[in-house]
C-alpha atoms as a PDB file:
ATOM      1  CA  MET A   1     126.535  69.033 119.621  1.00  0.00           C
ATOM      2  CA  PRO A   2     124.942  65.607 120.010  1.00  0.00           C
ATOM      3  CA  ASN A   3     121.579  65.765 118.221  1.00  0.00           C
ATOM      4  CA  ALA A   4     120.231  62.784 120.171  1.00  0.00           C
ATOM      5  CA  VAL A   5     120.550  64.781 123.405  1.00  0.00           C
ATOM      6  CA  LEU A   6     118.722  67.776 121.922  1.00  0.00           C
ATOM      7  CA  GLU A   7     115.963  65.553 120.535  1.00  0.00           C
ATOM      8  CA  ALA A   8     115.548  63.789 123.881  1.00  0.00           C
ATOM      9  CA  MET A   9     115.333  67.135 125.670  1.00  0.00           C
ATOM     10  CA  ALA A  10     112.702  68.362 123.202  1.00  0.00           C
ATOM     11  CA  VAL A  11     110.394  65.500 124.144  1.00  0.00           C
ATOM     12  CA  GLY A  12     111.083  65.904 127.853  1.00  0.00           C
ATOM     13  CA  LEU A  13     113.382  63.009 128.586  1.00  0.00           C
ATOM     14  CA  PRO A  14     115.986  63.154 131.337  1.00  0.00           C
ATOM     15  CA  ILE A  15     119.483  62.847 129.893  1.00  0.00           C
ATOM     16  CA  ILE A  16     122.254  60.522 130.999  1.00  0.00           C
ATOM     17  CA  THR A  17     125.443  61.351 129.116  1.00  0.00           C
ATOM     18  CA  THR A  18     129.178  61.804 129.232  1.00  0.00           C
ATOM     19  CA  ARG A  19     130.912  65.185 128.937  1.00  0.00           C
ATOM     20  CA  VAL A  20     131.236  65.284 125.153  1.00  0.00           C
ATOM     21  CA  GLY A  21     131.173  67.957 122.479  1.00  0.00           C
ATOM     22  CA  GLY A  22     129.105  71.047 123.092  1.00  0.00           C
ATOM     23  CA  LEU A  23     127.327  69.611 126.115  1.00  0.00           C
ATOM     24  CA  ASN A  24     129.901  71.175 128.403  1.00  0.00           C
ATOM     25  CA  ASP A  25     128.771  74.576 127.126  1.00  0.00           C
ATOM     26  CA  PHE A  26     125.172  74.338 128.307  1.00  0.00           C
ATOM     27  CA  PHE A  27     124.325  71.064 130.058  1.00  0.00           C
ATOM     28  CA  GLU A  28     123.578  71.441 133.762  1.00  0.00           C
ATOM     29  CA  ASP A  29     124.209  68.259 135.736  1.00  0.00           C
ATOM     30  CA  GLN A  30     121.328  67.387 138.087  1.00  0.00           C
ATOM     31  CA  LYS A  31     119.057  69.925 136.355  1.00  0.00           C
ATOM     32  CA  MET A  32     118.897  68.535 132.804  1.00  0.00           C
ATOM     33  CA  GLY A  33     119.953  65.028 133.649  1.00  0.00           C
ATOM     34  CA  LEU A  34     123.067  63.336 134.861  1.00  0.00           C
ATOM     35  CA  PHE A  35     126.641  63.146 133.672  1.00  0.00           C
ATOM     36  CA  ILE A  36     128.273  59.730 133.897  1.00  0.00           C
ATOM     37  CA  GLU A  37     131.921  58.788 133.903  1.00  0.00           C
ATOM     38  CA  THR A  38     133.269  57.611 130.554  1.00  0.00           C
ATOM     39  CA  LYS A  39     133.541  53.833 130.213  1.00  0.00           C
ATOM     40  CA  SER A  40     132.159  53.217 133.708  1.00  0.00           C
ATOM     41  CA  VAL A  41     129.437  50.608 134.022  1.00  0.00           C
ATOM     42  CA  GLU A  42     129.130  51.411 137.723  1.00  0.00           C
ATOM     43  CA  SER A  43     128.475  55.064 136.979  1.00  0.00           C
ATOM     44  CA  ILE A  44     125.658  54.420 134.520  1.00  0.00           C
ATOM     45  CA  VAL A  45     124.047  51.785 136.751  1.00  0.00           C
ATOM     46  CA  TYR A  46     124.154  54.131 139.740  1.00  0.00           C
ATOM     47  CA  LYS A  47     122.662  57.066 137.786  1.00  0.00           C
ATOM     48  CA  LEU A  48     119.923  54.927 136.201  1.00  0.00           C
ATOM     49  CA  GLU A  49     118.954  53.504 139.577  1.00  0.00           C
ATOM     50  CA  HIS A  50     118.893  57.028 141.010  1.00  0.00           C
ATOM     51  CA  LEU A  51     116.407  58.169 138.372  1.00  0.00           C
ATOM     52  CA  LEU A  52     114.285  55.030 138.623  1.00  0.00           C
ATOM     53  CA  LYS A  53     113.947  55.475 142.389  1.00  0.00           C
ATOM     54  CA  ASN A  54     113.162  59.215 142.208  1.00  0.00           C
ATOM     55  CA  LYS A  55     110.183  59.834 139.927  1.00  0.00           C
ATOM     56  CA  ASN A  56     109.808  63.401 141.221  1.00  0.00           C
ATOM     57  CA  ILE A  57     113.335  64.215 139.997  1.00  0.00           C
ATOM     58  CA  VAL A  58     112.533  62.679 136.607  1.00  0.00           C
ATOM     59  CA  ASN A  59     109.390  64.817 136.355  1.00  0.00           C
ATOM     60  CA  GLU A  60     111.299  68.007 137.245  1.00  0.00           C
ATOM     61  CA  ILE A  61     114.067  67.248 134.752  1.00  0.00           C
ATOM     62  CA  SER A  62     111.537  66.366 132.049  1.00  0.00           C
ATOM     63  CA  GLU A  63     109.640  69.622 132.419  1.00  0.00           C
ATOM     64  CA  TYR A  64     112.839  71.662 132.546  1.00  0.00           C
ATOM     65  CA  ASN A  65     114.273  69.965 129.442  1.00  0.00           C
ATOM     66  CA  ARG A  66     111.104  70.439 127.410  1.00  0.00           C
ATOM     67  CA  ASN A  67     110.988  74.145 128.265  1.00  0.00           C
ATOM     68  CA  PHE A  68     114.727  74.644 127.753  1.00  0.00           C
ATOM     69  CA  ALA A  69     114.664  73.003 124.318  1.00  0.00           C
ATOM     70  CA  GLU A  70     111.608  74.996 123.260  1.00  0.00           C
ATOM     71  CA  ILE A  71     113.208  78.299 124.259  1.00  0.00           C
ATOM     72  CA  ASN A  72     116.791  77.662 123.135  1.00  0.00           C
ATOM     73  CA  PHE A  73     116.660  75.194 120.276  1.00  0.00           C
ATOM     74  CA  ASN A  74     113.556  76.047 118.288  1.00  0.00           C
ATOM     75  CA  SER A  75     114.150  76.324 114.548  1.00  0.00           C
ATOM     76  CA  THR A  76     113.684  80.098 114.380  1.00  0.00           C
ATOM     77  CA  LYS A  77     116.207  80.791 117.123  1.00  0.00           C
ATOM     78  CA  VAL A  78     118.763  78.358 115.700  1.00  0.00           C
ATOM     79  CA  THR A  79     118.374  79.817 112.198  1.00  0.00           C
ATOM     80  CA  ASN A  80     118.816  83.375 113.506  1.00  0.00           C
ATOM     81  CA  ASN A  81     121.951  82.331 115.392  1.00  0.00           C
ATOM     82  CA  PHE A  82     123.417  80.804 112.235  1.00  0.00           C
ATOM     83  CA  LEU A  83     122.636  83.954 110.285  1.00  0.00           C
ATOM     84  CA  LYS A  84     124.475  86.038 112.873  1.00  0.00           C
ATOM     85  CA  ILE A  85     127.572  83.892 112.472  1.00  0.00           C
END
């Protein structure tokens, strides 16, 4: 699980990432941010431009990510999940 993605979500940033690690298990493209194609400059440029031109989408993603991280990745919940394992 990429910690940088979780930290960015916790502060309400939209995410631009590739399909790596545990992200495939929970990350929702278009809702939490945007997936890009691996090693594709065109893909990242297109997705960045999309976010820069659509502030309302950025605001929606930011609010969703902040709430999602607070509910699913707070320290108490994560600790309890580890204890269950």
